[in-house]
Each structure stands twice: as structure tokens, then as C-alpha cells.
Protein backbone atom coordinates (compact mmCIF):
# COMPACT_ATOMS: atom_id res chain seq x y z
CA MET A 1 -38.98 -75.60 -10.16
CA LYS A 2 -41.00 -75.72 -6.92
CA LYS A 3 -40.72 -71.93 -6.59
CA ASN A 4 -42.02 -71.48 -10.12
CA TYR A 5 -44.92 -73.82 -9.46
CA LEU A 6 -45.82 -71.97 -6.23
CA LEU A 7 -45.74 -68.67 -8.02
CA LEU A 8 -48.06 -70.07 -10.72
CA VAL A 9 -50.54 -71.35 -8.10
CA LEU A 10 -50.46 -68.01 -6.30
CA SER A 11 -51.00 -66.17 -9.57
CA LEU A 12 -54.01 -68.29 -10.53
CA PHE A 13 -55.44 -67.86 -7.04
CA CYS A 14 -55.21 -64.08 -7.24
CA MET A 15 -56.68 -64.09 -10.76
CA THR A 16 -59.64 -66.19 -9.50
CA LEU A 17 -60.16 -63.91 -6.47
CA SER A 18 -60.02 -60.83 -8.68
CA ALA A 19 -62.59 -62.34 -11.04
CA LYS A 20 -64.97 -63.02 -8.10
CA ASN A 21 -64.57 -59.52 -6.67
CA ASP A 22 -65.02 -57.95 -10.06
CA GLY A 23 -68.16 -59.95 -10.69
CA LYS A 24 -69.68 -58.77 -7.47
CA LYS A 25 -68.73 -55.15 -8.17
CA ILE A 26 -70.30 -55.38 -11.61
CA LEU A 27 -73.59 -56.70 -10.23
CA ASP A 28 -73.48 -54.07 -7.50
CA GLU A 29 -73.33 -51.37 -10.17
CA ALA A 30 -76.09 -53.05 -12.24
CA ALA A 31 -78.18 -53.17 -9.10
CA LYS A 32 -77.65 -49.47 -8.36
CA ARG A 33 -78.78 -48.63 -11.94
CA ILE A 34 -81.92 -50.78 -11.57
CA GLU A 35 -82.79 -49.03 -8.26
CA ARG A 36 -82.52 -45.67 -10.01
CA TYR A 37 -84.89 -46.82 -12.72
CA GLY A 38 -87.85 -47.23 -10.25
CA ASP A 39 -90.87 -48.65 -11.98
CA VAL A 40 -90.00 -49.88 -15.37
CA CYS A 41 -91.49 -51.25 -18.65
CA VAL A 42 -89.25 -53.82 -20.29
CA GLU A 43 -89.57 -55.25 -23.79
CA PHE A 44 -88.10 -58.71 -23.88
CA LYS A 45 -87.49 -61.93 -25.82
CA ALA A 46 -87.47 -65.20 -23.85
CA THR A 47 -86.30 -68.68 -24.89
CA ALA A 48 -86.48 -71.99 -22.97
CA PHE A 49 -83.97 -74.79 -23.61
CA ASN A 50 -83.66 -78.35 -22.39
CA GLY A 51 -79.97 -78.84 -22.69
CA THR A 52 -79.16 -77.25 -26.00
CA GLU A 53 -82.60 -78.14 -27.57
CA GLU A 54 -85.00 -75.18 -27.79
CA GLN A 55 -88.36 -75.85 -26.13
CA GLY A 56 -90.22 -72.65 -26.87
CA ARG A 57 -89.98 -68.90 -27.15
CA MET A 58 -92.05 -65.80 -26.53
CA GLU A 59 -91.70 -62.03 -26.71
CA GLY A 60 -93.60 -59.18 -25.15
CA LYS A 61 -93.28 -56.65 -22.40
CA MET A 62 -93.28 -56.55 -18.62
CA LEU A 63 -94.20 -53.92 -16.15
CA LEU A 64 -91.95 -54.22 -13.04
CA GLN A 65 -92.33 -52.69 -9.56
CA GLY A 66 -89.89 -54.45 -7.17
CA MET A 67 -90.80 -58.12 -7.44
CA LYS A 68 -94.32 -57.38 -8.73
CA TYR A 69 -94.89 -57.79 -12.37
CA GLN A 70 -97.35 -57.77 -15.30
CA LEU A 71 -96.37 -59.97 -18.23
CA ASN A 72 -97.94 -59.35 -21.61
CA THR A 73 -97.40 -61.65 -24.62
CA PRO A 74 -99.58 -62.66 -27.57
CA GLU A 75 -100.24 -66.01 -25.84
CA LEU A 76 -101.00 -64.89 -22.25
CA ILE A 77 -101.26 -62.06 -19.74
CA THR A 78 -99.96 -62.58 -16.19
CA TRP A 79 -100.31 -60.43 -13.10
CA TYR A 80 -98.33 -60.97 -9.89
CA ASN A 81 -99.00 -58.71 -6.85
CA GLY A 82 -96.25 -60.10 -4.65
CA THR A 83 -98.47 -62.99 -3.32
CA THR A 84 -101.05 -64.09 -5.95
CA GLN A 85 -100.48 -64.74 -9.62
CA TRP A 86 -103.24 -64.69 -12.27
CA THR A 87 -102.47 -66.06 -15.73
CA LEU A 88 -105.00 -65.32 -18.47
CA VAL A 89 -105.04 -67.53 -21.55
CA PRO A 90 -107.17 -65.88 -24.25
CA ASP A 91 -107.37 -69.01 -26.44
CA ASN A 92 -109.01 -71.03 -23.64
CA LYS A 93 -110.84 -68.14 -22.01
CA GLU A 94 -109.40 -69.19 -18.63
CA VAL A 95 -107.61 -67.52 -15.83
CA ASN A 96 -105.38 -69.69 -13.57
CA VAL A 97 -104.82 -68.45 -10.02
CA THR A 98 -101.69 -69.62 -8.20
CA GLU A 99 -99.18 -68.66 -5.52
CA PRO A 100 -95.95 -69.16 -7.42
CA THR A 101 -92.78 -70.51 -5.75
CA ILE A 102 -89.65 -68.47 -5.41
CA ALA A 103 -88.00 -70.55 -8.13
CA GLU A 104 -90.92 -69.88 -10.46
CA ILE A 105 -90.74 -66.16 -9.91
CA GLN A 106 -86.95 -66.16 -10.35
CA SER A 107 -87.24 -67.95 -13.75
CA VAL A 108 -89.51 -65.17 -15.06
CA HIS A 109 -88.44 -62.01 -13.35
CA PRO A 110 -85.33 -60.46 -14.99
CA TYR A 111 -84.31 -58.72 -11.75
CA SER A 112 -84.55 -61.77 -9.50
CA PHE A 113 -80.73 -62.12 -9.36
CA LEU A 114 -80.70 -58.97 -7.14
CA SER A 115 -81.92 -61.11 -4.15
CA LEU A 116 -79.48 -63.87 -4.90
CA TYR A 117 -75.97 -62.87 -5.84
CA LYS A 118 -74.84 -61.50 -2.44
CA ASN A 119 -75.24 -64.87 -0.71
CA GLY A 120 -74.89 -68.53 -1.67
CA TYR A 121 -73.13 -68.22 -5.01
CA ASP A 122 -69.65 -68.26 -6.36
CA ILE A 123 -69.22 -65.38 -8.85
CA GLU A 124 -66.82 -65.03 -11.74
CA ALA A 125 -66.74 -62.42 -14.55
CA ARG A 126 -65.28 -62.06 -18.01
CA GLU A 127 -65.53 -59.64 -20.84
CA SER A 128 -67.56 -60.65 -23.87
CA LYS A 129 -69.76 -59.48 -26.77
CA LEU A 130 -73.51 -59.81 -27.15
CA ARG A 131 -75.67 -58.49 -29.91
CA GLY A 132 -72.75 -56.33 -31.07
CA GLN A 133 -72.26 -54.76 -27.61
CA ASP A 134 -69.32 -55.09 -25.23
CA VAL A 135 -70.60 -56.72 -22.03
CA TYR A 136 -69.50 -58.21 -18.73
CA GLU A 137 -70.67 -61.80 -18.56
CA VAL A 138 -71.09 -62.56 -14.85
CA HIS A 139 -71.43 -66.28 -13.96
CA LEU A 140 -73.10 -67.28 -10.68
CA MET A 141 -72.87 -70.92 -9.48
CA ALA A 142 -74.84 -72.07 -6.48
CA LYS A 143 -72.82 -73.34 -3.51
CA LYS A 144 -75.60 -75.63 -2.41
CA LYS A 145 -76.86 -78.52 -4.51
CA ASN A 146 -80.52 -77.91 -3.40
CA ALA A 147 -80.55 -74.20 -4.50
CA SER A 148 -83.63 -73.43 -6.66
CA LEU A 149 -81.43 -71.88 -9.30
CA GLN A 150 -78.20 -73.79 -9.82
CA GLU A 151 -76.58 -71.56 -12.35
CA ILE A 152 -77.08 -68.00 -13.61
CA TYR A 153 -75.42 -65.86 -16.24
CA VAL A 154 -75.97 -62.08 -16.09
CA ASP A 155 -74.83 -60.01 -19.10
CA VAL A 156 -74.28 -56.32 -18.22
CA ARG A 157 -73.40 -53.72 -20.83
CA LYS A 158 -69.87 -52.34 -20.15
CA SER A 159 -70.64 -48.73 -21.15
CA ASP A 160 -73.31 -48.07 -18.52
CA TYR A 161 -73.93 -51.28 -16.49
CA ALA A 162 -77.36 -51.70 -18.10
CA LEU A 163 -78.81 -55.20 -17.76
CA PHE A 164 -78.69 -56.90 -21.12
CA CYS A 165 -79.54 -60.57 -20.71
CA ILE A 166 -80.30 -63.17 -18.01
CA ARG A 167 -79.85 -66.93 -18.33
CA VAL A 168 -80.97 -69.21 -15.49
CA ARG A 169 -80.74 -72.99 -15.05
CA GLN A 170 -83.13 -75.29 -13.12
CA GLY A 171 -81.95 -78.84 -13.50
CA LYS A 172 -81.44 -79.29 -17.23
CA THR A 173 -83.74 -76.48 -18.21
CA TRP A 174 -82.36 -73.02 -19.15
CA ASN A 175 -84.50 -69.89 -19.44
CA ARG A 176 -82.93 -66.98 -21.35
CA ILE A 177 -84.50 -63.44 -21.10
CA SER A 178 -83.01 -60.88 -23.48
CA LEU A 179 -83.94 -57.35 -22.59
CA GLU A 180 -84.52 -55.33 -25.69
CA THR A 181 -85.50 -52.02 -24.21
CA ILE A 182 -85.90 -50.62 -20.68
CA GLN A 183 -88.04 -47.57 -19.91
CA GLY A 184 -87.62 -46.36 -16.38
CA GLY A 185 -89.02 -43.61 -14.11
CA LEU A 186 -92.59 -44.76 -14.47
CA LYS A 187 -95.31 -44.93 -11.77
CA PHE A 188 -97.54 -48.00 -11.49
CA SER A 189 -100.35 -48.71 -9.07
CA GLU A 190 -101.43 -51.89 -7.28
CA ALA A 191 -104.14 -52.31 -9.86
CA ASP A 192 -101.51 -52.78 -12.59
CA PHE A 193 -100.47 -56.08 -10.86
CA THR A 194 -103.95 -57.44 -10.06
CA PHE A 195 -106.38 -59.31 -12.30
CA LYS A 196 -109.58 -57.28 -12.90
CA LYS A 197 -112.38 -59.84 -13.12
CA LYS A 198 -114.99 -57.25 -14.34
CA GLN A 199 -112.92 -56.81 -17.55
CA TYR A 200 -113.16 -60.50 -18.36
CA PRO A 201 -116.75 -61.66 -17.41
CA ASP A 202 -116.78 -64.64 -19.76
CA TYR A 203 -113.57 -66.19 -18.45
CA GLU A 204 -113.48 -69.23 -16.22
CA ILE A 205 -111.48 -68.70 -13.03
CA ILE A 206 -109.45 -71.77 -12.04
CA ASP A 207 -108.13 -71.53 -8.55
CA LEU A 208 -105.04 -73.76 -8.26
CA ARG A 209 -103.82 -72.47 -4.81
């Protein structure tokens, strides 16, 4: 009986270790694919939840160059040049200027997991289906309680390791970013990630830094 119990424990341990190793390998392959993309334009749908209750949703497109981004939705336009963020709200004719925290960037940028998964997270993976596609669902759980993002799910398409969906948790809030299309091999300039005041002369600039 003891021998059988020991074999069961060892088997479960090996299965857990394998799941962690596989999860990291899957994210490594997804990261390699993203690096090959270079500058990209992503069409997305995003939804925010408090627990299981939906708090809001938006859809639009993002231009991505490393951690820089330009976010375009019907409700707002955001530029982030790696330091400063400008958020333009057409309904209010305002532009809010901020220096976002790492956590704020990570909750918006679909590639933010690239700077996270190699350190500070336990990783497990399983096979699943999403929007009719076979995917690897990789689960990252922070080892430290004070991590800015406690929990992350990364869905990677099995056929080509393309990023499919990201879900991140901060406290009780979940943000889900579904990537609908990804167009890579583009070339953006610094101007694509910087607010151009001359184009919006009637807008009030609110500096919140």
C-alpha cells in the first residue's frame, strides 16, 4: 500500500513538473513568434470583469512597437512612447497626460507577459479550445503576494503558437484581451506613439503627472 502511494505521489509530481516545463516552452515559442513579427497592428476585443460581473468592454486596434503602443477605440485614443502616455477623449475634448505604472501598462499591452513569465511565476499548461480553435491555455500564478499581476492566462494557438487571448487579474478585477487579427512586419516611427498637439488645437491638456 505504501509503495503504491509513493508511486502515485511521484507520478503526480512528474506530471506537475512536466506541465510547468511545457508551459514555459509554449510561451518561449509564442515569444519567438512575436519577435519575428516586429512592429504589429492588432485588432482586439477587451472586456473587464469584477469577479464574474462584466464592468465594460471595448474593441479597436493597437499599433505595437516593443512596449510602446497606440490604442484606437471609438471612445478614446491613447499614445504611449515608453515614458509618457496621452489619452484623448473626443466626447470631452480633453487629453490626459500621465506616466502609467508598470501594472497599468501590463493590463493593457497584450505582449506584457513577455517580461513576466520567466521569473516570479509558477506556470502550468493544458490543452483547450477557444473560438473553435485548439489552444494551449498557459496559467501563470505569481509567487509573491505583492506582485502587480497576481494571475495571468495566456491562450496560444496550437497550430502555430500565435497569441490568441490574454486574461490578467489585479485584485478582483480581470481584464481579457482577445486578439482578433495580427498584422506583422510593419514599420512605425516615434511619431506614431506621441500625441500631436497641433492636430487637436481645441483640446484641453490635463497634465496628471
